[in-house]
Amino acid sequence: MTCQDWQTRVEAYVDAELSPHDMDSFRAHAASCTDCASTALALIEAKGALRRAGHRYVASPGLRAQIAAGTAAQVGTSTTRQEPHKATVISWPKWVMAAAALVLLASGLFFFSSRSQRPSSLAEFADLHVSDLASTNPVEVVSTDRHTVKPWFQGRIPFTFDLPDLQGSPFTLVGGRVAYFHQEPGAQLIFSYQRHMISAFIFRDTPQIAISQSSFSDRSTSFNLQTWTHDGLRYVLVSDVNTTTLQQLAELLEQTR
């Protein structure tokens, strides 16, 4: 299959609508084709941005009813023929998307599978992890200093947390950003381990974050998840590193209690 053929199927790949064989074939193709990898990453970022916006803003019932009534009235009274609306395509700098694609491919994060095979919370946190790393600004505060990153969140999220001293450990703090999960603001911390990235999410422990297991491994995507609660906060680690490495970072974070 040519690159041009794959370009017409990138969206189906991102949505995990291809057959398992075609999913594997696209991954192999994207590993050496920055055009297809960049296109896929642009779609991932666009879908992630829409999801994050949906988590932040929800229309009131009154506004939804008003929009629905206005739409119905417009459909009923419209007699003019209009040209189809053309979607606006954001043109990202080519080198930015190519670089992001190669980083994700090298670290083993460039893969998707059917969400029906994963617990819903894991799927959502894995999606947040991948889409944020695929964005052109994966972190809002860039620093390896915990004394810089922690204060940055003050006033941006409705709780405080502590960060461990990573000196002598194999982990490096990259930075952080505000993340949203079901309209709830929280912290997303990015740590690096060799050539891998680990997302550490911290949210208030609410019923929306329903994770019955303390750890989960998904062989179809190579994602591992580690989660626990403490003092009303929910901690979630997501990465493609092995469970032993993820547990090591979890223990460092737990030592800050």
Protein backbone atom coordinates (compact mmCIF):
# COMPACT_ATOMS: atom_id res chain seq x y z
CA MET A 1 0.00 0.00 0.00
CA THR A 2 1.37 3.41 -0.98
CA CYS A 3 1.73 6.46 1.24
CA GLN A 4 -1.15 8.11 -0.63
CA ASP A 5 -3.36 5.11 0.16
CA TRP A 6 -2.46 5.29 3.85
CA GLN A 7 -3.23 9.01 3.99
CA THR A 8 -6.90 8.21 3.29
CA ARG A 9 -6.97 5.75 6.19
CA VAL A 10 -5.14 7.70 8.88
CA GLU A 11 -8.32 8.84 10.59
CA ALA A 12 -9.61 5.27 10.71
CA TYR A 13 -6.32 4.26 12.32
CA VAL A 14 -6.56 6.99 14.97
CA ASP A 15 -10.12 5.86 15.77
CA ALA A 16 -9.00 2.19 15.88
CA GLU A 17 -11.44 1.28 13.11
CA LEU A 18 -8.97 -0.71 11.00
CA SER A 19 -8.50 -4.46 11.23
CA PRO A 20 -5.73 -5.64 13.58
CA HIS A 21 -3.59 -6.50 10.54
CA ASP A 22 -4.05 -3.03 9.02
CA MET A 23 -3.40 -1.37 12.41
CA ASP A 24 -0.06 -3.18 12.60
CA SER A 25 0.69 -2.37 8.94
CA PHE A 26 0.10 1.34 9.50
CA ARG A 27 2.35 1.39 12.56
CA ALA A 28 5.13 -0.21 10.53
CA HIS A 29 4.59 2.29 7.71
CA ALA A 30 4.48 5.30 10.06
CA ALA A 31 7.76 4.27 11.65
CA SER A 32 9.54 5.28 8.43
CA CYS A 33 7.08 7.84 7.01
CA THR A 34 7.00 11.17 8.82
CA ASP A 35 4.21 12.43 6.53
CA CYS A 36 1.73 9.78 7.69
CA ALA A 37 2.98 9.94 11.29
CA SER A 38 2.59 13.73 11.32
CA THR A 39 -0.91 13.52 9.87
CA ALA A 40 -1.91 11.02 12.55
CA LEU A 41 -0.43 13.17 15.30
CA ALA A 42 -2.30 16.23 14.02
CA LEU A 43 -5.56 14.26 14.24
CA ILE A 44 -4.67 13.01 17.72
CA GLU A 45 -4.01 16.56 18.89
CA ALA A 46 -7.22 17.88 17.32
CA LYS A 47 -9.30 15.15 18.95
CA GLY A 48 -7.51 15.69 22.25
CA ALA A 49 -8.16 19.44 22.12
CA LEU A 50 -11.86 18.85 21.48
CA ARG A 51 -12.03 16.38 24.35
CA ARG A 52 -10.25 18.74 26.75
CA ALA A 53 -12.58 21.58 25.76
CA GLY A 54 -15.56 19.32 26.36
CA HIS A 55 -14.24 18.50 29.82
CA ARG A 56 -13.90 22.18 30.67
CA TYR A 57 -17.11 23.62 29.29
CA VAL A 58 -20.60 22.15 29.38
CA ALA A 59 -23.59 24.10 28.07
CA SER A 60 -26.44 24.63 30.51
CA PRO A 61 -29.77 22.84 29.82
CA GLY A 62 -31.35 26.20 28.96
CA LEU A 63 -28.67 27.04 26.42
CA ARG A 64 -28.89 23.59 24.82
CA ALA A 65 -32.67 23.93 24.53
CA GLN A 66 -32.32 27.38 23.01
CA ILE A 67 -29.81 26.14 20.42
CA ALA A 68 -31.96 23.12 19.57
CA ALA A 69 -35.04 25.34 19.11
CA GLY A 70 -33.13 27.78 16.93
CA THR A 71 -31.70 25.00 14.80
CA ALA A 72 -35.13 23.44 14.30
CA ALA A 73 -36.61 26.79 13.29
CA GLN A 74 -33.79 27.46 10.85
CA VAL A 75 -34.23 24.06 9.21
CA GLY A 76 -37.97 24.58 8.90
CA THR A 77 -37.79 28.03 7.32
CA SER A 78 -34.68 27.72 5.16
CA THR A 79 -35.44 27.67 1.45
CA THR A 80 -32.05 28.65 0.05
CA ARG A 81 -29.45 26.19 -1.09
CA GLN A 82 -26.09 26.67 0.57
CA GLU A 83 -22.66 25.40 -0.32
CA PRO A 84 -21.37 22.65 1.98
CA HIS A 85 -19.27 23.98 4.83
CA LYS A 86 -15.59 23.18 4.47
CA ALA A 87 -13.74 22.14 7.57
CA THR A 88 -10.85 24.32 8.64
CA VAL A 89 -7.57 22.45 8.70
CA ILE A 90 -4.83 23.71 10.99
CA SER A 91 -1.47 23.68 9.29
CA TRP A 92 1.13 22.80 11.91
CA PRO A 93 4.80 23.49 11.19
CA LYS A 94 6.05 20.41 9.36
CA TRP A 95 9.23 20.03 11.38
CA VAL A 96 7.33 20.25 14.67
CA MET A 97 4.93 17.45 13.76
CA ALA A 98 7.69 15.29 12.29
CA ALA A 99 9.83 15.67 15.40
CA ALA A 100 6.91 14.85 17.68
CA ALA A 101 6.05 11.82 15.58
CA LEU A 102 9.57 10.43 15.72
CA VAL A 103 9.79 10.98 19.49
CA LEU A 104 6.54 9.14 20.09
CA LEU A 105 7.46 6.32 17.75
CA ALA A 106 10.87 5.93 19.36
CA SER A 107 9.38 5.77 22.86
CA GLY A 108 6.78 3.20 21.89
CA LEU A 109 3.72 5.40 22.42
CA PHE A 110 2.38 5.46 18.87
CA PHE A 111 -0.41 2.95 18.99
CA PHE A 112 -4.17 2.71 19.54
CA SER A 113 -6.57 -0.16 20.04
CA SER A 114 -10.28 -0.67 20.50
CA ARG A 115 -11.45 1.10 23.63
CA SER A 116 -13.90 -1.72 24.31
CA GLN A 117 -10.90 -3.81 25.33
CA ARG A 118 -9.83 -1.39 28.05
CA PRO A 119 -11.51 -0.08 31.22
CA SER A 120 -13.02 3.34 30.43
CA SER A 121 -10.90 5.25 32.95
CA LEU A 122 -7.70 3.67 31.64
CA ALA A 123 -8.71 4.56 28.09
CA GLU A 124 -9.33 8.18 29.06
CA PHE A 125 -6.08 8.58 30.98
CA ALA A 126 -4.13 6.85 28.20
CA ASP A 127 -5.74 9.20 25.68
CA LEU A 128 -4.80 12.22 27.80
CA HIS A 129 -1.23 10.94 28.06
CA VAL A 130 -0.82 10.42 24.30
CA SER A 131 -2.69 13.49 23.06
CA ASP A 132 -0.84 15.85 25.40
CA LEU A 133 2.55 14.43 24.42
CA ALA A 134 1.53 14.76 20.77
CA SER A 135 0.70 18.45 21.17
CA THR A 136 3.18 21.16 20.28
CA ASN A 137 3.17 22.30 23.93
CA PRO A 138 3.12 19.11 26.03
CA VAL A 139 3.99 21.04 29.21
CA GLU A 140 2.94 24.49 30.40
CA VAL A 141 5.67 24.83 32.99
CA VAL A 142 9.02 23.46 31.85
CA SER A 143 11.45 22.75 34.67
CA THR A 144 13.34 19.92 36.32
CA ASP A 145 13.11 21.77 39.66
CA ARG A 146 10.23 20.58 41.85
CA HIS A 147 10.38 23.90 43.72
CA THR A 148 9.47 25.62 40.44
CA VAL A 149 6.85 23.19 39.19
CA LYS A 150 4.84 22.79 42.40
CA PRO A 151 4.27 26.54 43.06
CA TRP A 152 3.19 27.03 39.43
CA PHE A 153 0.02 25.02 40.11
CA GLN A 154 -1.06 27.27 43.00
CA GLY A 155 -4.27 29.05 42.04
CA ARG A 156 -4.67 26.86 38.94
CA ILE A 157 -6.00 23.71 40.66
CA PRO A 158 -8.13 23.42 43.84
CA PHE A 159 -5.62 21.44 45.91
CA THR A 160 -1.92 21.15 46.71
CA PHE A 161 0.50 18.25 46.42
CA ASP A 162 4.16 17.48 47.07
CA LEU A 163 6.87 16.32 44.70
CA PRO A 164 9.74 13.98 45.63
CA ASP A 165 13.46 14.66 45.41
CA LEU A 166 14.51 12.66 42.35
CA GLN A 167 18.25 13.07 42.87
CA GLY A 168 19.92 9.68 42.51
CA SER A 169 16.87 8.14 40.86
CA PRO A 170 16.55 7.18 37.16
CA PHE A 171 13.67 9.66 36.72
CA THR A 172 13.78 13.29 35.63
CA LEU A 173 11.00 15.81 36.08
CA VAL A 174 10.23 17.45 32.71
CA GLY A 175 7.45 19.79 33.77
CA GLY A 176 3.70 19.89 34.14
CA ARG A 177 0.38 21.20 32.92
CA VAL A 178 -3.21 21.56 34.07
CA ALA A 179 -5.27 18.57 32.92
CA TYR A 180 -9.04 18.08 32.93
CA PHE A 181 -10.91 14.88 33.67
CA HIS A 182 -14.71 15.09 33.45
CA GLN A 183 -14.55 18.87 33.98
CA GLU A 184 -12.35 18.43 37.06
CA PRO A 185 -9.03 20.33 36.97
CA GLY A 186 -5.94 18.54 38.14
CA ALA A 187 -2.18 18.30 37.67
CA GLN A 188 -0.39 16.33 34.97
CA LEU A 189 3.31 15.91 35.71
CA ILE A 190 5.65 14.59 33.02
CA PHE A 191 8.66 12.50 34.01
CA SER A 192 11.26 11.02 31.69
CA TYR A 193 12.83 7.61 32.08
CA GLN A 194 15.52 6.81 29.52
CA ARG A 195 13.66 7.43 26.21
CA HIS A 196 10.19 7.00 27.73
CA MET A 197 7.71 9.51 29.11
CA ILE A 198 5.54 8.95 32.17
CA SER A 199 2.44 10.99 33.00
CA ALA A 200 1.55 11.37 36.66
CA PHE A 201 -2.02 12.66 37.04
CA ILE A 202 -3.23 14.05 40.35
CA PHE A 203 -6.92 14.83 40.85
CA ARG A 204 -9.31 15.08 43.73
CA ASP A 205 -10.69 11.61 44.39
CA THR A 206 -14.21 11.78 42.97
CA PRO A 207 -16.75 9.18 41.76
CA GLN A 208 -15.89 10.11 38.14
CA ILE A 209 -12.50 8.45 38.54
CA ALA A 210 -13.74 4.91 38.98
CA ILE A 211 -10.73 2.60 38.86
CA SER A 212 -11.27 -0.62 40.74
CA GLN A 213 -7.74 -1.93 40.24
CA SER A 214 -4.55 -0.48 41.68
CA SER A 215 -2.65 -1.48 38.54
CA PHE A 216 -3.50 -2.48 35.01
CA SER A 217 -1.51 -3.69 32.00
CA ASP A 218 -2.85 -3.58 28.45
CA ARG A 219 -0.79 -5.81 26.17
CA SER A 220 -2.61 -4.56 23.07
CA THR A 221 -1.17 -1.07 23.55
CA SER A 222 1.74 -1.75 25.96
CA PHE A 223 0.35 0.82 28.39
CA ASN A 224 0.66 0.25 32.12
CA LEU A 225 -1.33 2.11 34.76
CA GLN A 226 -0.68 2.47 38.47
CA THR A 227 -3.13 4.25 40.76
CA TRP A 228 -3.73 4.93 44.46
CA THR A 229 -5.43 7.46 46.72
CA HIS A 230 -4.18 9.52 49.64
CA ASP A 231 -5.70 12.39 51.63
CA GLY A 232 -8.58 12.79 49.21
CA LEU A 233 -6.37 12.81 46.10
CA ARG A 234 -6.26 10.26 43.28
CA TYR A 235 -2.83 9.53 41.75
CA VAL A 236 -2.61 7.86 38.32
CA LEU A 237 0.61 6.93 36.52
CA VAL A 238 0.42 6.04 32.81
CA SER A 239 3.29 5.01 30.54
CA ASP A 240 4.66 2.27 28.32
CA VAL A 241 7.47 1.52 30.79
CA ASN A 242 7.29 -1.83 32.58
CA THR A 243 5.31 -2.23 35.77
CA THR A 244 8.44 -2.46 37.92
CA THR A 245 9.65 0.94 36.74
CA LEU A 246 6.20 2.45 37.18
CA GLN A 247 6.03 1.06 40.72
CA GLN A 248 9.43 2.61 41.46
CA LEU A 249 8.16 6.07 40.53
CA ALA A 250 4.95 5.44 42.48
CA GLU A 251 6.99 4.67 45.60
CA LEU A 252 8.95 7.91 45.19
CA LEU A 253 5.71 9.89 44.94
CA GLU A 254 4.24 8.06 47.93
CA GLN A 255 7.30 9.00 50.02
CA THR A 256 6.23 12.65 49.86
CA ARG A 257 3.25 11.94 52.15
